mmCIF file of all heavy atoms, coordinates in Angstrom:
data_MODEL
# 
_entry.id   MODEL 
# 
loop_
_atom_site.group_PDB 
_atom_site.id 
_atom_site.type_symbol 
_atom_site.label_atom_id 
_atom_site.label_alt_id 
_atom_site.label_comp_id 
_atom_site.label_asym_id 
_atom_site.label_entity_id 
_atom_site.label_seq_id 
_atom_site.pdbx_PDB_ins_code 
_atom_site.Cartn_x 
_atom_site.Cartn_y 
_atom_site.Cartn_z 
_atom_site.occupancy 
_atom_site.B_iso_or_equiv 
_atom_site.pdbx_formal_charge 
_atom_site.auth_seq_id 
_atom_site.auth_comp_id 
_atom_site.auth_asym_id 
_atom_site.auth_atom_id 
_atom_site.pdbx_PDB_model_num 
ATOM 1   N N   . SER A 1 1  ? 11.932  -2.723  5.528  1.00 0.00 ? 1  SER A N   1 
ATOM 2   C CA  . SER A 1 1  ? 11.502  -3.775  6.456  1.00 0.00 ? 1  SER A CA  1 
ATOM 3   C C   . SER A 1 1  ? 10.129  -4.326  6.150  1.00 0.00 ? 1  SER A C   1 
ATOM 4   O O   . SER A 1 1  ? 9.683   -5.289  6.819  1.00 0.00 ? 1  SER A O   1 
ATOM 5   C CB  . SER A 1 1  ? 11.549  -3.249  7.892  1.00 0.00 ? 1  SER A CB  1 
ATOM 6   O OG  . SER A 1 1  ? 12.839  -2.828  8.260  1.00 0.00 ? 1  SER A OG  1 
ATOM 7   N N   . MET A 1 2  ? 9.454   -3.734  5.220  1.00 0.00 ? 2  MET A N   1 
ATOM 8   C CA  . MET A 1 2  ? 8.064   -4.152  4.906  1.00 0.00 ? 2  MET A CA  1 
ATOM 9   C C   . MET A 1 2  ? 8.088   -5.558  4.226  1.00 0.00 ? 2  MET A C   1 
ATOM 10  O O   . MET A 1 2  ? 8.770   -5.768  3.232  1.00 0.00 ? 2  MET A O   1 
ATOM 11  C CB  . MET A 1 2  ? 7.411   -3.153  3.964  1.00 0.00 ? 2  MET A CB  1 
ATOM 12  C CG  . MET A 1 2  ? 5.962   -3.368  3.657  1.00 0.00 ? 2  MET A CG  1 
ATOM 13  S SD  . MET A 1 2  ? 4.838   -3.130  5.060  1.00 0.00 ? 2  MET A SD  1 
ATOM 14  C CE  . MET A 1 2  ? 5.022   -1.385  5.413  1.00 0.00 ? 2  MET A CE  1 
ATOM 15  N N   . SER A 1 3  ? 7.261   -6.459  4.764  1.00 0.00 ? 3  SER A N   1 
ATOM 16  C CA  . SER A 1 3  ? 7.186   -7.781  4.196  1.00 0.00 ? 3  SER A CA  1 
ATOM 17  C C   . SER A 1 3  ? 6.324   -7.811  2.968  1.00 0.00 ? 3  SER A C   1 
ATOM 18  O O   . SER A 1 3  ? 5.515   -6.895  2.725  1.00 0.00 ? 3  SER A O   1 
ATOM 19  C CB  . SER A 1 3  ? 6.631   -8.730  5.252  1.00 0.00 ? 3  SER A CB  1 
ATOM 20  O OG  . SER A 1 3  ? 5.258   -8.440  5.507  1.00 0.00 ? 3  SER A OG  1 
ATOM 21  N N   . GLN A 1 4  ? 6.459   -8.898  2.185  1.00 0.00 ? 4  GLN A N   1 
ATOM 22  C CA  . GLN A 1 4  ? 5.599   -9.008  0.986  1.00 0.00 ? 4  GLN A CA  1 
ATOM 23  C C   . GLN A 1 4  ? 4.137   -9.120  1.394  1.00 0.00 ? 4  GLN A C   1 
ATOM 24  O O   . GLN A 1 4  ? 3.267   -8.585  0.712  1.00 0.00 ? 4  GLN A O   1 
ATOM 25  C CB  . GLN A 1 4  ? 6.031   -10.264 0.169  1.00 0.00 ? 4  GLN A CB  1 
ATOM 26  C CG  . GLN A 1 4  ? 5.369   -10.364 -1.168 1.00 0.00 ? 4  GLN A CG  1 
ATOM 27  C CD  . GLN A 1 4  ? 5.741   -9.226  -2.080 1.00 0.00 ? 4  GLN A CD  1 
ATOM 28  O OE1 . GLN A 1 4  ? 6.886   -8.947  -2.348 1.00 0.00 ? 4  GLN A OE1 1 
ATOM 29  N NE2 . GLN A 1 4  ? 4.732   -8.503  -2.580 1.00 0.00 ? 4  GLN A NE2 1 
ATOM 30  N N   . ARG A 1 5  ? 3.886   -9.847  2.456  1.00 0.00 ? 5  ARG A N   1 
ATOM 31  C CA  . ARG A 1 5  ? 2.497   -9.992  2.944  1.00 0.00 ? 5  ARG A CA  1 
ATOM 32  C C   . ARG A 1 5  ? 1.911   -8.620  3.228  1.00 0.00 ? 5  ARG A C   1 
ATOM 33  O O   . ARG A 1 5  ? 0.782   -8.320  2.833  1.00 0.00 ? 5  ARG A O   1 
ATOM 34  C CB  . ARG A 1 5  ? 2.488   -10.846 4.190  1.00 0.00 ? 5  ARG A CB  1 
ATOM 35  C CG  . ARG A 1 5  ? 1.146   -10.842 4.937  1.00 0.00 ? 5  ARG A CG  1 
ATOM 36  C CD  . ARG A 1 5  ? 1.206   -11.506 6.280  1.00 0.00 ? 5  ARG A CD  1 
ATOM 37  N NE  . ARG A 1 5  ? -0.033  -11.408 7.023  1.00 0.00 ? 5  ARG A NE  1 
ATOM 38  C CZ  . ARG A 1 5  ? -0.379  -10.331 7.754  1.00 0.00 ? 5  ARG A CZ  1 
ATOM 39  N NH1 . ARG A 1 5  ? 0.463   -9.294  7.803  1.00 0.00 ? 5  ARG A NH1 1 
ATOM 40  N NH2 . ARG A 1 5  ? -1.507  -10.322 8.392  1.00 0.00 ? 5  ARG A NH2 1 
ATOM 41  N N   . SER A 1 6  ? 2.657   -7.755  3.923  1.00 0.00 ? 6  SER A N   1 
ATOM 42  C CA  . SER A 1 6  ? 2.140   -6.431  4.314  1.00 0.00 ? 6  SER A CA  1 
ATOM 43  C C   . SER A 1 6  ? 1.913   -5.569  3.047  1.00 0.00 ? 6  SER A C   1 
ATOM 44  O O   . SER A 1 6  ? 0.924   -4.857  2.965  1.00 0.00 ? 6  SER A O   1 
ATOM 45  C CB  . SER A 1 6  ? 3.135   -5.743  5.247  1.00 0.00 ? 6  SER A CB  1 
ATOM 46  O OG  . SER A 1 6  ? 3.183   -6.426  6.494  1.00 0.00 ? 6  SER A OG  1 
ATOM 47  N N   . LEU A 1 7  ? 2.831   -5.613  2.082  1.00 0.00 ? 7  LEU A N   1 
ATOM 48  C CA  . LEU A 1 7  ? 2.639   -4.870  0.865  1.00 0.00 ? 7  LEU A CA  1 
ATOM 49  C C   . LEU A 1 7  ? 1.384   -5.353  0.129  1.00 0.00 ? 7  LEU A C   1 
ATOM 50  O O   . LEU A 1 7  ? 0.612   -4.524  -0.394 1.00 0.00 ? 7  LEU A O   1 
ATOM 51  C CB  . LEU A 1 7  ? 3.849   -5.004  -0.033 1.00 0.00 ? 7  LEU A CB  1 
ATOM 52  C CG  . LEU A 1 7  ? 5.019   -4.002  0.114  1.00 0.00 ? 7  LEU A CG  1 
ATOM 53  C CD1 . LEU A 1 7  ? 6.099   -4.325  -0.854 1.00 0.00 ? 7  LEU A CD1 1 
ATOM 54  C CD2 . LEU A 1 7  ? 4.514   -2.592  -0.058 1.00 0.00 ? 7  LEU A CD2 1 
ATOM 55  N N   . ASP A 1 8  ? 1.222   -6.665  0.078  1.00 0.00 ? 8  ASP A N   1 
ATOM 56  C CA  . ASP A 1 8  ? 0.055   -7.185  -0.604 1.00 0.00 ? 8  ASP A CA  1 
ATOM 57  C C   . ASP A 1 8  ? -1.265  -6.810  0.085  1.00 0.00 ? 8  ASP A C   1 
ATOM 58  O O   . ASP A 1 8  ? -2.303  -6.706  -0.584 1.00 0.00 ? 8  ASP A O   1 
ATOM 59  C CB  . ASP A 1 8  ? 0.162   -8.731  -0.682 1.00 0.00 ? 8  ASP A CB  1 
ATOM 60  C CG  . ASP A 1 8  ? 1.274   -9.189  -1.634 1.00 0.00 ? 8  ASP A CG  1 
ATOM 61  O OD1 . ASP A 1 8  ? 1.741   -8.369  -2.436 1.00 0.00 ? 8  ASP A OD1 1 
ATOM 62  O OD2 . ASP A 1 8  ? 1.695   -10.351 -1.505 1.00 0.00 ? 8  ASP A OD2 1 
ATOM 63  N N   . LEU A 1 9  ? -1.237  -6.613  1.393  1.00 0.00 ? 9  LEU A N   1 
ATOM 64  C CA  . LEU A 1 9  ? -2.402  -6.163  2.106  1.00 0.00 ? 9  LEU A CA  1 
ATOM 65  C C   . LEU A 1 9  ? -2.672  -4.671  1.877  1.00 0.00 ? 9  LEU A C   1 
ATOM 66  O O   . LEU A 1 9  ? -3.797  -4.233  1.684  1.00 0.00 ? 9  LEU A O   1 
ATOM 67  C CB  . LEU A 1 9  ? -2.268  -6.418  3.609  1.00 0.00 ? 9  LEU A CB  1 
ATOM 68  C CG  . LEU A 1 9  ? -2.455  -7.881  4.114  1.00 0.00 ? 9  LEU A CG  1 
ATOM 69  C CD1 . LEU A 1 9  ? -2.169  -7.927  5.594  1.00 0.00 ? 9  LEU A CD1 1 
ATOM 70  C CD2 . LEU A 1 9  ? -3.900  -8.336  3.864  1.00 0.00 ? 9  LEU A CD2 1 
ATOM 71  N N   . LEU A 1 10 ? -1.603  -3.879  1.933  1.00 0.00 ? 10 LEU A N   1 
ATOM 72  C CA  . LEU A 1 10 ? -1.753  -2.415  1.923  1.00 0.00 ? 10 LEU A CA  1 
ATOM 73  C C   . LEU A 1 10 ? -2.141  -1.884  0.558  1.00 0.00 ? 10 LEU A C   1 
ATOM 74  O O   . LEU A 1 10 ? -3.001  -1.024  0.443  1.00 0.00 ? 10 LEU A O   1 
ATOM 75  C CB  . LEU A 1 10 ? -0.414  -1.803  2.380  1.00 0.00 ? 10 LEU A CB  1 
ATOM 76  C CG  . LEU A 1 10 ? -0.404  -0.274  2.477  1.00 0.00 ? 10 LEU A CG  1 
ATOM 77  C CD1 . LEU A 1 10 ? -1.362  0.202   3.567  1.00 0.00 ? 10 LEU A CD1 1 
ATOM 78  C CD2 . LEU A 1 10 ? 1.018   0.239   2.743  1.00 0.00 ? 10 LEU A CD2 1 
ATOM 79  N N   . ARG A 1 11 ? -1.492  -2.354  -0.514 1.00 0.00 ? 11 ARG A N   1 
ATOM 80  C CA  . ARG A 1 11 ? -1.680  -1.721  -1.823 1.00 0.00 ? 11 ARG A CA  1 
ATOM 81  C C   . ARG A 1 11 ? -3.124  -1.680  -2.283 1.00 0.00 ? 11 ARG A C   1 
ATOM 82  O O   . ARG A 1 11 ? -3.605  -0.612  -2.679 1.00 0.00 ? 11 ARG A O   1 
ATOM 83  C CB  . ARG A 1 11 ? -0.797  -2.423  -2.854 1.00 0.00 ? 11 ARG A CB  1 
ATOM 84  C CG  . ARG A 1 11 ? 0.696   -2.141  -2.636 1.00 0.00 ? 11 ARG A CG  1 
ATOM 85  C CD  . ARG A 1 11 ? 1.550   -3.025  -3.590 1.00 0.00 ? 11 ARG A CD  1 
ATOM 86  N NE  . ARG A 1 11 ? 1.186   -2.776  -4.965 1.00 0.00 ? 11 ARG A NE  1 
ATOM 87  C CZ  . ARG A 1 11 ? 1.393   -3.697  -5.934 1.00 0.00 ? 11 ARG A CZ  1 
ATOM 88  N NH1 . ARG A 1 11 ? 1.905   -4.856  -5.669 1.00 0.00 ? 11 ARG A NH1 1 
ATOM 89  N NH2 . ARG A 1 11 ? 1.074   -3.410  -7.185 1.00 0.00 ? 11 ARG A NH2 1 
ATOM 90  N N   . PRO A 1 12 ? -3.843  -2.798  -2.259 1.00 0.00 ? 12 PRO A N   1 
ATOM 91  C CA  . PRO A 1 12 ? -5.259  -2.707  -2.685 1.00 0.00 ? 12 PRO A CA  1 
ATOM 92  C C   . PRO A 1 12 ? -6.193  -2.066  -1.695 1.00 0.00 ? 12 PRO A C   1 
ATOM 93  O O   . PRO A 1 12 ? -7.303  -1.717  -2.008 1.00 0.00 ? 12 PRO A O   1 
ATOM 94  C CB  . PRO A 1 12 ? -5.646  -4.179  -2.915 1.00 0.00 ? 12 PRO A CB  1 
ATOM 95  C CG  . PRO A 1 12 ? -4.764  -4.965  -2.014 1.00 0.00 ? 12 PRO A CG  1 
ATOM 96  C CD  . PRO A 1 12 ? -3.446  -4.182  -1.949 1.00 0.00 ? 12 PRO A CD  1 
ATOM 97  N N   . THR A 1 13 ? -5.712  -1.893  -0.437 1.00 0.00 ? 13 THR A N   1 
ATOM 98  C CA  . THR A 1 13 ? -6.575  -1.260  0.583  1.00 0.00 ? 13 THR A CA  1 
ATOM 99  C C   . THR A 1 13 ? -6.657  0.241   0.357  1.00 0.00 ? 13 THR A C   1 
ATOM 100 O O   . THR A 1 13 ? -7.736  0.817   0.526  1.00 0.00 ? 13 THR A O   1 
ATOM 101 C CB  . THR A 1 13 ? -6.009  -1.580  2.003  1.00 0.00 ? 13 THR A CB  1 
ATOM 102 O OG1 . THR A 1 13 ? -6.009  -2.997  2.203  1.00 0.00 ? 13 THR A OG1 1 
ATOM 103 C CG2 . THR A 1 13 ? -6.848  -0.912  3.069  1.00 0.00 ? 13 THR A CG2 1 
ATOM 104 N N   . ILE A 1 14 ? -5.547  0.869   -0.020 1.00 0.00 ? 14 ILE A N   1 
ATOM 105 C CA  . ILE A 1 14 ? -5.565  2.294   -0.291 1.00 0.00 ? 14 ILE A CA  1 
ATOM 106 C C   . ILE A 1 14 ? -6.117  2.474   -1.693 1.00 0.00 ? 14 ILE A C   1 
ATOM 107 O O   . ILE A 1 14 ? -5.369  2.525   -2.652 1.00 0.00 ? 14 ILE A O   1 
ATOM 108 C CB  . ILE A 1 14 ? -4.146  2.880   -0.144 1.00 0.00 ? 14 ILE A CB  1 
ATOM 109 C CG1 . ILE A 1 14 ? -3.519  2.482   1.237  1.00 0.00 ? 14 ILE A CG1 1 
ATOM 110 C CG2 . ILE A 1 14 ? -4.162  4.410   -0.278 1.00 0.00 ? 14 ILE A CG2 1 
ATOM 111 C CD1 . ILE A 1 14 ? -4.341  2.889   2.421  1.00 0.00 ? 14 ILE A CD1 1 
ATOM 112 N N   . ARG A 1 15 ? -7.442  2.554   -1.769 1.00 0.00 ? 15 ARG A N   1 
ATOM 113 C CA  . ARG A 1 15 ? -8.123  2.462   -3.060 1.00 0.00 ? 15 ARG A CA  1 
ATOM 114 C C   . ARG A 1 15 ? -8.957  3.681   -3.425 1.00 0.00 ? 15 ARG A C   1 
ATOM 115 O O   . ARG A 1 15 ? -9.610  3.703   -4.454 1.00 0.00 ? 15 ARG A O   1 
ATOM 116 C CB  . ARG A 1 15 ? -8.991  1.223   -3.079 1.00 0.00 ? 15 ARG A CB  1 
ATOM 117 C CG  . ARG A 1 15 ? -10.127 1.297   -2.032 1.00 0.00 ? 15 ARG A CG  1 
ATOM 118 C CD  . ARG A 1 15 ? -11.019 0.057   -2.097 1.00 0.00 ? 15 ARG A CD  1 
ATOM 119 N NE  . ARG A 1 15 ? -10.340 -1.114  -1.578 1.00 0.00 ? 15 ARG A NE  1 
ATOM 120 C CZ  . ARG A 1 15 ? -10.955 -2.302  -1.502 1.00 0.00 ? 15 ARG A CZ  1 
ATOM 121 N NH1 . ARG A 1 15 ? -12.223 -2.442  -1.836 1.00 0.00 ? 15 ARG A NH1 1 
ATOM 122 N NH2 . ARG A 1 15 ? -10.291 -3.338  -1.008 1.00 0.00 ? 15 ARG A NH2 1 
ATOM 123 N N   . LYS A 1 16 ? -9.027  4.651   -2.551 1.00 0.00 ? 16 LYS A N   1 
ATOM 124 C CA  . LYS A 1 16 ? -9.807  5.855   -2.820 1.00 0.00 ? 16 LYS A CA  1 
ATOM 125 C C   . LYS A 1 16 ? -9.340  6.542   -4.101 1.00 0.00 ? 16 LYS A C   1 
ATOM 126 O O   . LYS A 1 16 ? -8.113  6.561   -4.358 1.00 0.00 ? 16 LYS A O   1 
ATOM 127 C CB  . LYS A 1 16 ? -9.694  6.819   -1.636 1.00 0.00 ? 16 LYS A CB  1 
ATOM 128 C CG  . LYS A 1 16 ? -10.586 8.054   -1.749 1.00 0.00 ? 16 LYS A CG  1 
ATOM 129 C CD  . LYS A 1 16 ? -10.430 8.928   -0.467 1.00 0.00 ? 16 LYS A CD  1 
ATOM 130 C CE  . LYS A 1 16 ? -11.263 10.177  -0.570 1.00 0.00 ? 16 LYS A CE  1 
ATOM 131 N NZ  . LYS A 1 16 ? -11.105 11.013  0.680  1.00 0.00 ? 16 LYS A NZ  1 
ATOM 132 N N   . PRO A 1 17 ? -10.203 7.042   -4.955 1.00 0.00 ? 17 PRO A N   1 
ATOM 133 C CA  . PRO A 1 17 ? -9.767  7.722   -6.179 1.00 0.00 ? 17 PRO A CA  1 
ATOM 134 C C   . PRO A 1 17 ? -8.750  8.813   -5.851 1.00 0.00 ? 17 PRO A C   1 
ATOM 135 O O   . PRO A 1 17 ? -9.014  9.670   -5.015 1.00 0.00 ? 17 PRO A O   1 
ATOM 136 C CB  . PRO A 1 17 ? -11.047 8.267   -6.784 1.00 0.00 ? 17 PRO A CB  1 
ATOM 137 C CG  . PRO A 1 17 ? -12.135 7.356   -6.282 1.00 0.00 ? 17 PRO A CG  1 
ATOM 138 C CD  . PRO A 1 17 ? -11.706 6.936   -4.897 1.00 0.00 ? 17 PRO A CD  1 
ATOM 139 N N   . GLY A 1 18 ? -7.628  8.820   -6.549 1.00 0.00 ? 18 GLY A N   1 
ATOM 140 C CA  . GLY A 1 18 ? -6.593  9.813   -6.337 1.00 0.00 ? 18 GLY A CA  1 
ATOM 141 C C   . GLY A 1 18 ? -5.700  9.525   -5.125 1.00 0.00 ? 18 GLY A C   1 
ATOM 142 O O   . GLY A 1 18 ? -4.820  10.379  -4.841 1.00 0.00 ? 18 GLY A O   1 
ATOM 143 N N   . SER A 1 19 ? -5.909  8.411   -4.492 1.00 0.00 ? 19 SER A N   1 
ATOM 144 C CA  . SER A 1 19 ? -5.084  8.087   -3.315 1.00 0.00 ? 19 SER A CA  1 
ATOM 145 C C   . SER A 1 19 ? -3.669  7.753   -3.711 1.00 0.00 ? 19 SER A C   1 
ATOM 146 O O   . SER A 1 19 ? -3.397  7.383   -4.859 1.00 0.00 ? 19 SER A O   1 
ATOM 147 C CB  . SER A 1 19 ? -5.702  6.936   -2.518 1.00 0.00 ? 19 SER A CB  1 
ATOM 148 O OG  . SER A 1 19 ? -5.821  5.772   -3.352 1.00 0.00 ? 19 SER A OG  1 
ATOM 149 N N   . GLU A 1 20 ? -2.761  7.899   -2.778 1.00 0.00 ? 20 GLU A N   1 
ATOM 150 C CA  . GLU A 1 20 ? -1.301  7.724   -3.092 1.00 0.00 ? 20 GLU A CA  1 
ATOM 151 C C   . GLU A 1 20 ? -0.657  6.874   -2.026 1.00 0.00 ? 20 GLU A C   1 
ATOM 152 O O   . GLU A 1 20 ? -1.037  6.835   -0.839 1.00 0.00 ? 20 GLU A O   1 
ATOM 153 C CB  . GLU A 1 20 ? -0.583  9.058   -3.150 1.00 0.00 ? 20 GLU A CB  1 
ATOM 154 C CG  . GLU A 1 20 ? -1.114  9.942   -4.268 1.00 0.00 ? 20 GLU A CG  1 
ATOM 155 C CD  . GLU A 1 20 ? -0.335  11.259  -4.391 1.00 0.00 ? 20 GLU A CD  1 
ATOM 156 O OE1 . GLU A 1 20 ? 0.462   11.595  -3.480 1.00 0.00 ? 20 GLU A OE1 1 
ATOM 157 O OE2 . GLU A 1 20 ? -0.501  11.963  -5.413 1.00 0.00 ? 20 GLU A OE2 1 
ATOM 158 N N   . LEU A 1 21 ? 0.412   6.140   -2.454 1.00 0.00 ? 21 LEU A N   1 
ATOM 159 C CA  . LEU A 1 21 ? 1.257   5.352   -1.558 1.00 0.00 ? 21 LEU A CA  1 
ATOM 160 C C   . LEU A 1 21 ? 2.672   5.967   -1.599 1.00 0.00 ? 21 LEU A C   1 
ATOM 161 O O   . LEU A 1 21 ? 3.285   6.019   -2.649 1.00 0.00 ? 21 LEU A O   1 
ATOM 162 C CB  . LEU A 1 21 ? 1.288   3.913   -2.017 1.00 0.00 ? 21 LEU A CB  1 
ATOM 163 C CG  . LEU A 1 21 ? -0.044  3.131   -1.874 1.00 0.00 ? 21 LEU A CG  1 
ATOM 164 C CD1 . LEU A 1 21 ? -0.142  2.009   -2.850 1.00 0.00 ? 21 LEU A CD1 1 
ATOM 165 C CD2 . LEU A 1 21 ? -0.158  2.601   -0.435 1.00 0.00 ? 21 LEU A CD2 1 
ATOM 166 N N   . TRP A 1 22 ? 3.166   6.373   -0.420 1.00 0.00 ? 22 TRP A N   1 
ATOM 167 C CA  . TRP A 1 22 ? 4.482   7.000   -0.317 1.00 0.00 ? 22 TRP A CA  1 
ATOM 168 C C   . TRP A 1 22 ? 5.419   6.035   0.427  1.00 0.00 ? 22 TRP A C   1 
ATOM 169 O O   . TRP A 1 22 ? 5.012   5.409   1.424  1.00 0.00 ? 22 TRP A O   1 
ATOM 170 C CB  . TRP A 1 22 ? 4.417   8.289   0.450  1.00 0.00 ? 22 TRP A CB  1 
ATOM 171 C CG  . TRP A 1 22 ? 3.548   9.357   -0.182 1.00 0.00 ? 22 TRP A CG  1 
ATOM 172 C CD1 . TRP A 1 22 ? 2.903   9.278   -1.375 1.00 0.00 ? 22 TRP A CD1 1 
ATOM 173 C CD2 . TRP A 1 22 ? 3.255   10.676  0.350  1.00 0.00 ? 22 TRP A CD2 1 
ATOM 174 N NE1 . TRP A 1 22 ? 2.216   10.458  -1.621 1.00 0.00 ? 22 TRP A NE1 1 
ATOM 175 C CE2 . TRP A 1 22 ? 2.419   11.319  -0.560 1.00 0.00 ? 22 TRP A CE2 1 
ATOM 176 C CE3 . TRP A 1 22 ? 3.646   11.312  1.546  1.00 0.00 ? 22 TRP A CE3 1 
ATOM 177 C CZ2 . TRP A 1 22 ? 1.933   12.602  -0.334 1.00 0.00 ? 22 TRP A CZ2 1 
ATOM 178 C CZ3 . TRP A 1 22 ? 3.154   12.587  1.758  1.00 0.00 ? 22 TRP A CZ3 1 
ATOM 179 C CH2 . TRP A 1 22 ? 2.305   13.241  0.817  1.00 0.00 ? 22 TRP A CH2 1 
ATOM 180 N N   . PHE A 1 23 ? 6.652   5.941   -0.018 1.00 0.00 ? 23 PHE A N   1 
ATOM 181 C CA  . PHE A 1 23 ? 7.609   5.051   0.587  1.00 0.00 ? 23 PHE A CA  1 
ATOM 182 C C   . PHE A 1 23 ? 8.949   5.789   0.779  1.00 0.00 ? 23 PHE A C   1 
ATOM 183 O O   . PHE A 1 23 ? 9.443   6.463   -0.100 1.00 0.00 ? 23 PHE A O   1 
ATOM 184 C CB  . PHE A 1 23 ? 7.917   3.831   -0.308 1.00 0.00 ? 23 PHE A CB  1 
ATOM 185 C CG  . PHE A 1 23 ? 6.697   2.963   -0.607 1.00 0.00 ? 23 PHE A CG  1 
ATOM 186 C CD1 . PHE A 1 23 ? 5.813   3.306   -1.619 1.00 0.00 ? 23 PHE A CD1 1 
ATOM 187 C CD2 . PHE A 1 23 ? 6.440   1.836   0.147  1.00 0.00 ? 23 PHE A CD2 1 
ATOM 188 C CE1 . PHE A 1 23 ? 4.680   2.537   -1.896 1.00 0.00 ? 23 PHE A CE1 1 
ATOM 189 C CE2 . PHE A 1 23 ? 5.341   1.039   -0.141 1.00 0.00 ? 23 PHE A CE2 1 
ATOM 190 C CZ  . PHE A 1 23 ? 4.465   1.376   -1.134 1.00 0.00 ? 23 PHE A CZ  1 
ATOM 191 N N   . THR A 1 24 ? 9.543   5.645   1.950  1.00 0.00 ? 24 THR A N   1 
ATOM 192 C CA  . THR A 1 24 ? 10.878  6.100   2.215  1.00 0.00 ? 24 THR A CA  1 
ATOM 193 C C   . THR A 1 24 ? 11.663  4.987   2.818  1.00 0.00 ? 24 THR A C   1 
ATOM 194 O O   . THR A 1 24 ? 11.159  4.255   3.701  1.00 0.00 ? 24 THR A O   1 
ATOM 195 C CB  . THR A 1 24 ? 10.888  7.328   3.187  1.00 0.00 ? 24 THR A CB  1 
ATOM 196 O OG1 . THR A 1 24 ? 10.153  7.036   4.353  1.00 0.00 ? 24 THR A OG1 1 
ATOM 197 C CG2 . THR A 1 24 ? 10.325  8.561   2.502  1.00 0.00 ? 24 THR A CG2 1 
# 
């Protein structure tokens, strides 16, 4: 259900070294 707008906001925000993005 995640929109393209939300993905585009989230991905560069989680930027801490070693940070991860998990999706189910």
